[in-house]
Amino acid sequence: MEIAERIRSSIANHSVAHNGEELKVTISLGVALITPDVQDKDELIRQADAALYRAKHNGRNQVQIWD
C-alpha cells in the first residue's frame, strides 16, 4: 500500500508536455494481498481489479486496498 501511494503521488506531482501544454496525469491503483484465502493468481487479480474500480468510483487519483 505504501509503495502504491508513493507511485500515485509521484505521478500526480509530475506534469507532461503535450502539444505545447502542460498536462497533469493521475492514476488510481487497486492493491490486493496474497493471503491464505487467495487460492490462485486469478483471484488475486480479481481482488486488485475490484479495489481499482472502487478507487475510480470514489473519485480517482487514489489507492484502494481489497478488504
PDB file of N, CA and C in Angstrom:
ATOM      1  N   MET A   1       0.826  -1.185   0.000  1.00  0.00           N
ATOM      2  CA  MET A   1       0.000   0.000   0.000  1.00  0.00           C
ATOM      3  C   MET A   1       0.879   1.260   0.000  1.00  0.00           C
ATOM      4  N   GLU A   2       1.925   1.224   0.805  1.00  0.00           N
ATOM      5  CA  GLU A   2       2.828   2.362   0.901  1.00  0.00           C
ATOM      6  C   GLU A   2       3.525   2.633  -0.441  1.00  0.00           C
ATOM      7  N   ILE A   3       3.973   1.593  -1.084  1.00  0.00           N
ATOM      8  CA  ILE A   3       4.645   1.753  -2.385  1.00  0.00           C
ATOM      9  C   ILE A   3       3.663   2.263  -3.430  1.00  0.00           C
ATOM     10  N   ALA A   4       2.453   1.721  -3.444  1.00  0.00           N
ATOM     11  CA  ALA A   4       1.435   2.171  -4.395  1.00  0.00           C
ATOM     12  C   ALA A   4       1.131   3.648  -4.195  1.00  0.00           C
ATOM     13  N   GLU A   5       1.044   4.085  -2.950  1.00  0.00           N
ATOM     14  CA  GLU A   5       0.772   5.503  -2.670  1.00  0.00           C
ATOM     15  C   GLU A   5       1.932   6.383  -3.123  1.00  0.00           C
ATOM     16  N   ARG A   6       3.145   5.932  -2.950  1.00  0.00           N
ATOM     17  CA  ARG A   6       4.303   6.710  -3.428  1.00  0.00           C
ATOM     18  C   ARG A   6       4.279   6.846  -4.950  1.00  0.00           C
ATOM     19  N   ILE A   7       3.930   5.766  -5.639  1.00  0.00           N
ATOM     20  CA  ILE A   7       3.833   5.807  -7.105  1.00  0.00           C
ATOM     21  C   ILE A   7       2.737   6.773  -7.528  1.00  0.00           C
ATOM     22  N   ARG A   8       1.556   6.662  -6.907  1.00  0.00           N
ATOM     23  CA  ARG A   8       0.436   7.542  -7.243  1.00  0.00           C
ATOM     24  C   ARG A   8       0.808   9.008  -7.035  1.00  0.00           C
ATOM     25  N   SER A   9       1.396   9.313  -5.893  1.00  0.00           N
ATOM     26  CA  SER A   9       1.768  10.681  -5.560  1.00  0.00           C
ATOM     27  C   SER A   9       2.820  11.225  -6.523  1.00  0.00           C
ATOM     28  N   SER A  10       3.792  10.416  -6.861  1.00  0.00           N
ATOM     29  CA  SER A  10       4.846  10.843  -7.767  1.00  0.00           C
ATOM     30  C   SER A  10       4.277  11.201  -9.138  1.00  0.00           C
ATOM     31  N   ILE A  11       3.373  10.401  -9.632  1.00  0.00           N
ATOM     32  CA  ILE A  11       2.751  10.679 -10.935  1.00  0.00           C
ATOM     33  C   ILE A  11       1.890  11.931 -10.856  1.00  0.00           C
ATOM     34  N   ALA A  12       1.113  12.087  -9.785  1.00  0.00           N
ATOM     35  CA  ALA A  12       0.236  13.250  -9.635  1.00  0.00           C
ATOM     36  C   ALA A  12       1.030  14.553  -9.531  1.00  0.00           C
ATOM     37  N   ASN A  13       2.248  14.488  -9.024  1.00  0.00           N
ATOM     38  CA  ASN A  13       3.068  15.684  -8.867  1.00  0.00           C
ATOM     39  C   ASN A  13       3.937  15.984 -10.082  1.00  0.00           C
ATOM     40  N   HIS A  14       3.742  15.243 -11.147  1.00  0.00           N
ATOM     41  CA  HIS A  14       4.541  15.406 -12.355  1.00  0.00           C
ATOM     42  C   HIS A  14       3.618  15.861 -13.485  1.00  0.00           C
ATOM     43  N   SER A  15       4.086  16.760 -14.317  1.00  0.00           N
ATOM     44  CA  SER A  15       3.293  17.162 -15.481  1.00  0.00           C
ATOM     45  C   SER A  15       3.980  16.675 -16.748  1.00  0.00           C
ATOM     46  N   VAL A  16       3.202  16.556 -17.786  1.00  0.00           N
ATOM     47  CA  VAL A  16       3.673  16.044 -19.071  1.00  0.00           C
ATOM     48  C   VAL A  16       3.409  17.105 -20.134  1.00  0.00           C
ATOM     49  N   ALA A  17       4.419  17.417 -20.936  1.00  0.00           N
ATOM     50  CA  ALA A  17       4.242  18.369 -22.028  1.00  0.00           C
ATOM     51  C   ALA A  17       3.647  17.649 -23.234  1.00  0.00           C
ATOM     52  N   HIS A  18       2.590  18.247 -23.793  1.00  0.00           N
ATOM     53  CA  HIS A  18       1.953  17.679 -24.981  1.00  0.00           C
ATOM     54  C   HIS A  18       1.387  18.816 -25.815  1.00  0.00           C
ATOM     55  N   ASN A  19       1.855  18.926 -27.051  1.00  0.00           N
ATOM     56  CA  ASN A  19       1.407  19.984 -27.964  1.00  0.00           C
ATOM     57  C   ASN A  19       1.503  21.371 -27.335  1.00  0.00           C
ATOM     58  N   GLY A  20       2.588  21.622 -26.638  1.00  0.00           N
ATOM     59  CA  GLY A  20       2.817  22.918 -26.044  1.00  0.00           C
ATOM     60  C   GLY A  20       2.066  23.183 -24.749  1.00  0.00           C
ATOM     61  N   GLU A  21       1.364  22.202 -24.252  1.00  0.00           N
ATOM     62  CA  GLU A  21       0.618  22.350 -23.000  1.00  0.00           C
ATOM     63  C   GLU A  21       1.201  21.439 -21.936  1.00  0.00           C
ATOM     64  N   GLU A  22       1.100  21.873 -20.687  1.00  0.00           N
ATOM     65  CA  GLU A  22       1.494  21.035 -19.556  1.00  0.00           C
ATOM     66  C   GLU A  22       0.250  20.315 -19.051  1.00  0.00           C
ATOM     67  N   LEU A  23       0.276  19.008 -19.090  1.00  0.00           N
ATOM     68  CA  LEU A  23      -0.860  18.202 -18.657  1.00  0.00           C
ATOM     69  C   LEU A  23      -0.555  17.522 -17.333  1.00  0.00           C
ATOM     70  N   LYS A  24      -1.517  17.493 -16.451  1.00  0.00           N
ATOM     71  CA  LYS A  24      -1.402  16.760 -15.200  1.00  0.00           C
ATOM     72  C   LYS A  24      -2.004  15.371 -15.429  1.00  0.00           C
ATOM     73  N   VAL A  25      -1.328  14.372 -14.958  1.00  0.00           N
ATOM     74  CA  VAL A  25      -1.782  12.995 -15.097  1.00  0.00           C
ATOM     75  C   VAL A  25      -1.947  12.411 -13.706  1.00  0.00           C
ATOM     76  N   THR A  26      -3.024  11.665 -13.497  1.00  0.00           N
ATOM     77  CA  THR A  26      -3.221  10.965 -12.235  1.00  0.00           C
ATOM     78  C   THR A  26      -3.539   9.504 -12.528  1.00  0.00           C
ATOM     79  N   ILE A  27      -3.364   8.683 -11.514  1.00  0.00           N
ATOM     80  CA  ILE A  27      -3.702   7.268 -11.653  1.00  0.00           C
ATOM     81  C   ILE A  27      -4.469   6.812 -10.415  1.00  0.00           C
ATOM     82  N   SER A  28      -5.213   5.766 -10.602  1.00  0.00           N
ATOM     83  CA  SER A  28      -5.843   5.060  -9.496  1.00  0.00           C
ATOM     84  C   SER A  28      -5.234   3.672  -9.457  1.00  0.00           C
ATOM     85  N   LEU A  29      -5.047   3.150  -8.249  1.00  0.00           N
ATOM     86  CA  LEU A  29      -4.441   1.828  -8.096  1.00  0.00           C
ATOM     87  C   LEU A  29      -5.286   0.968  -7.174  1.00  0.00           C
ATOM     88  N   GLY A  30      -5.378  -0.300  -7.512  1.00  0.00           N
ATOM     89  CA  GLY A  30      -6.018  -1.288  -6.651  1.00  0.00           C
ATOM     90  C   GLY A  30      -4.965  -2.249  -6.139  1.00  0.00           C
ATOM     91  N   VAL A  31      -4.989  -2.517  -4.842  1.00  0.00           N
ATOM     92  CA  VAL A  31      -3.991  -3.374  -4.208  1.00  0.00           C
ATOM     93  C   VAL A  31      -4.693  -4.581  -3.593  1.00  0.00           C
ATOM     94  N   ALA A  32      -4.120  -5.749  -3.815  1.00  0.00           N
ATOM     95  CA  ALA A  32      -4.598  -6.983  -3.177  1.00  0.00           C
ATOM     96  C   ALA A  32      -3.393  -7.699  -2.578  1.00  0.00           C
ATOM     97  N   LEU A  33      -3.638  -8.417  -1.518  1.00  0.00           N
ATOM     98  CA  LEU A  33      -2.568  -9.106  -0.810  1.00  0.00           C
ATOM     99  C   LEU A  33      -2.686 -10.612  -0.958  1.00  0.00           C
ATOM    100  N   ILE A  34      -1.560 -11.257  -1.012  1.00  0.00           N
ATOM    101  CA  ILE A  34      -1.546 -12.724  -1.006  1.00  0.00           C
ATOM    102  C   ILE A  34      -1.787 -13.168   0.438  1.00  0.00           C
ATOM    103  N   THR A  35      -2.873 -13.878   0.637  1.00  0.00           N
ATOM    104  CA  THR A  35      -3.245 -14.384   1.963  1.00  0.00           C
ATOM    105  C   THR A  35      -3.639 -15.850   1.829  1.00  0.00           C
ATOM    106  N   PRO A  36      -3.852 -16.549   2.934  1.00  0.00           N
ATOM    107  CA  PRO A  36      -4.298 -17.946   2.839  1.00  0.00           C
ATOM    108  C   PRO A  36      -5.646 -18.108   2.111  1.00  0.00           C
ATOM    109  N   ASP A  37      -6.453 -17.038   2.086  1.00  0.00           N
ATOM    110  CA  ASP A  37      -7.750 -17.106   1.400  1.00  0.00           C
ATOM    111  C   ASP A  37      -7.636 -17.047  -0.114  1.00  0.00           C
ATOM    112  N   VAL A  38      -6.528 -16.528  -0.617  1.00  0.00           N
ATOM    113  CA  VAL A  38      -6.335 -16.392  -2.060  1.00  0.00           C
ATOM    114  C   VAL A  38      -5.786 -17.710  -2.593  1.00  0.00           C
ATOM    115  N   GLN A  39      -6.571 -18.348  -3.427  1.00  0.00           N
ATOM    116  CA  GLN A  39      -6.210 -19.675  -3.910  1.00  0.00           C
ATOM    117  C   GLN A  39      -5.337 -19.665  -5.168  1.00  0.00           C
ATOM    118  N   ASP A  40      -5.460 -18.616  -5.982  1.00  0.00           N
ATOM    119  CA  ASP A  40      -4.688 -18.582  -7.227  1.00  0.00           C
ATOM    120  C   ASP A  40      -4.513 -17.149  -7.710  1.00  0.00           C
ATOM    121  N   LYS A  41      -3.714 -16.994  -8.755  1.00  0.00           N
ATOM    122  CA  LYS A  41      -3.426 -15.663  -9.286  1.00  0.00           C
ATOM    123  C   LYS A  41      -4.671 -14.989  -9.833  1.00  0.00           C
ATOM    124  N   ASP A  42      -5.601 -15.748 -10.381  1.00  0.00           N
ATOM    125  CA  ASP A  42      -6.826 -15.155 -10.917  1.00  0.00           C
ATOM    126  C   ASP A  42      -7.633 -14.484  -9.813  1.00  0.00           C
ATOM    127  N   GLU A  43      -7.684 -15.085  -8.636  1.00  0.00           N
ATOM    128  CA  GLU A  43      -8.391 -14.485  -7.506  1.00  0.00           C
ATOM    129  C   GLU A  43      -7.680 -13.216  -7.042  1.00  0.00           C
ATOM    130  N   LEU A  44      -6.374 -13.247  -7.008  1.00  0.00           N
ATOM    131  CA  LEU A  44      -5.598 -12.073  -6.616  1.00  0.00           C
ATOM    132  C   LEU A  44      -5.860 -10.916  -7.584  1.00  0.00           C
ATOM    133  N   ILE A  45      -5.863 -11.198  -8.863  1.00  0.00           N
ATOM    134  CA  ILE A  45      -6.130 -10.177  -9.888  1.00  0.00           C
ATOM    135  C   ILE A  45      -7.561  -9.662  -9.763  1.00  0.00           C
ATOM    136  N   ARG A  46      -8.514 -10.534  -9.503  1.00  0.00           N
ATOM    137  CA  ARG A  46      -9.912 -10.120  -9.338  1.00  0.00           C
ATOM    138  C   ARG A  46     -10.044  -9.152  -8.168  1.00  0.00           C
ATOM    139  N   GLN A  47      -9.371  -9.448  -7.070  1.00  0.00           N
ATOM    140  CA  GLN A  47      -9.436  -8.579  -5.895  1.00  0.00           C
ATOM    141  C   GLN A  47      -8.788  -7.217  -6.171  1.00  0.00           C
ATOM    142  N   ALA A  48      -7.637  -7.226  -6.815  1.00  0.00           N
ATOM    143  CA  ALA A  48      -6.969  -5.965  -7.156  1.00  0.00           C
ATOM    144  C   ALA A  48      -7.822  -5.148  -8.112  1.00  0.00           C
ATOM    145  N   ASP A  49      -8.458  -5.792  -9.068  1.00  0.00           N
ATOM    146  CA  ASP A  49      -9.327  -5.113 -10.024  1.00  0.00           C
ATOM    147  C   ASP A  49     -10.532  -4.490  -9.308  1.00  0.00           C
ATOM    148  N   ALA A  50     -11.131  -5.219  -8.372  1.00  0.00           N
ATOM    149  CA  ALA A  50     -12.261  -4.682  -7.608  1.00  0.00           C
ATOM    150  C   ALA A  50     -11.825  -3.463  -6.797  1.00  0.00           C
ATOM    151  N   ALA A  51     -10.640  -3.513  -6.209  1.00  0.00           N
ATOM    152  CA  ALA A  51     -10.122  -2.376  -5.455  1.00  0.00           C
ATOM    153  C   ALA A  51      -9.862  -1.188  -6.383  1.00  0.00           C
ATOM    154  N   LEU A  52      -9.359  -1.448  -7.585  1.00  0.00           N
ATOM    155  CA  LEU A  52      -9.129  -0.391  -8.562  1.00  0.00           C
ATOM    156  C   LEU A  52     -10.433   0.306  -8.916  1.00  0.00           C
ATOM    157  N   TYR A  53     -11.487  -0.458  -9.207  1.00  0.00           N
ATOM    158  CA  TYR A  53     -12.763   0.149  -9.566  1.00  0.00           C
ATOM    159  C   TYR A  53     -13.372   0.917  -8.399  1.00  0.00           C
ATOM    160  N   ARG A  54     -13.130   0.483  -7.172  1.00  0.00           N
ATOM    161  CA  ARG A  54     -13.581   1.245  -6.004  1.00  0.00           C
ATOM    162  C   ARG A  54     -12.842   2.584  -5.947  1.00  0.00           C
ATOM    163  N   ALA A  55     -11.537   2.586  -6.247  1.00  0.00           N
ATOM    164  CA  ALA A  55     -10.766   3.834  -6.277  1.00  0.00           C
ATOM    165  C   ALA A  55     -11.332   4.784  -7.330  1.00  0.00           C
ATOM    166  N   LYS A  56     -11.648   4.275  -8.496  1.00  0.00           N
ATOM    167  CA  LYS A  56     -12.220   5.111  -9.553  1.00  0.00           C
ATOM    168  C   LYS A  56     -13.586   5.640  -9.140  1.00  0.00           C
ATOM    169  N   HIS A  57     -14.395   4.792  -8.557  1.00  0.00           N
ATOM    170  CA  HIS A  57     -15.745   5.175  -8.130  1.00  0.00           C
ATOM    171  C   HIS A  57     -15.699   6.240  -7.026  1.00  0.00           C
ATOM    172  N   ASN A  58     -14.687   6.185  -6.175  1.00  0.00           N
ATOM    173  CA  ASN A  58     -14.577   7.109  -5.047  1.00  0.00           C
ATOM    174  C   ASN A  58     -13.868   8.413  -5.400  1.00  0.00           C
ATOM    175  N   GLY A  59     -13.665   8.685  -6.672  1.00  0.00           N
ATOM    176  CA  GLY A  59     -13.127   9.976  -7.064  1.00  0.00           C
ATOM    177  C   GLY A  59     -11.812   9.952  -7.803  1.00  0.00           C
ATOM    178  N   ARG A  60     -11.248   8.792  -8.050  1.00  0.00           N
ATOM    179  CA  ARG A  60      -9.997   8.651  -8.790  1.00  0.00           C
ATOM    180  C   ARG A  60      -8.811   9.228  -8.058  1.00  0.00           C
ATOM    181  N   ASN A  61      -7.620   9.088  -8.650  1.00  0.00           N
ATOM    182  CA  ASN A  61      -6.365   9.586  -8.091  1.00  0.00           C
ATOM    183  C   ASN A  61      -6.178   9.127  -6.644  1.00  0.00           C
ATOM    184  N   GLN A  62      -6.338   7.826  -6.432  1.00  0.00           N
ATOM    185  CA  GLN A  62      -6.174   7.282  -5.085  1.00  0.00           C
ATOM    186  C   GLN A  62      -5.817   5.798  -5.144  1.00  0.00           C
ATOM    187  N   VAL A  63      -5.440   5.289  -3.998  1.00  0.00           N
ATOM    188  CA  VAL A  63      -5.113   3.873  -3.851  1.00  0.00           C
ATOM    189  C   VAL A  63      -6.174   3.242  -2.953  1.00  0.00           C
ATOM    190  N   GLN A  64      -6.689   2.114  -3.370  1.00  0.00           N
ATOM    191  CA  GLN A  64      -7.624   1.353  -2.549  1.00  0.00           C
ATOM    192  C   GLN A  64      -7.076  -0.059  -2.389  1.00  0.00           C
ATOM    193  N   ILE A  65      -7.282  -0.619  -1.221  1.00  0.00           N
ATOM    194  CA  ILE A  65      -6.847  -1.990  -0.951  1.00  0.00           C
ATOM    195  C   ILE A  65      -8.068  -2.887  -0.825  1.00  0.00           C
ATOM    196  N   TRP A  66      -7.958  -4.085  -1.336  1.00  0.00           N
ATOM    197  CA  TRP A  66      -9.030  -5.072  -1.206  1.00  0.00           C
ATOM    198  C   TRP A  66      -9.154  -5.450   0.259  1.00  0.00           C
ATOM    199  N   ASP A  67     -10.370  -5.431   0.773  1.00  0.00           N
ATOM    200  CA  ASP A  67     -10.577  -5.870   2.150  1.00  0.00           C
ATOM    201  C   ASP A  67     -11.816  -6.706   2.294  1.00  0.00           C
TER     202      ASP A  67
END
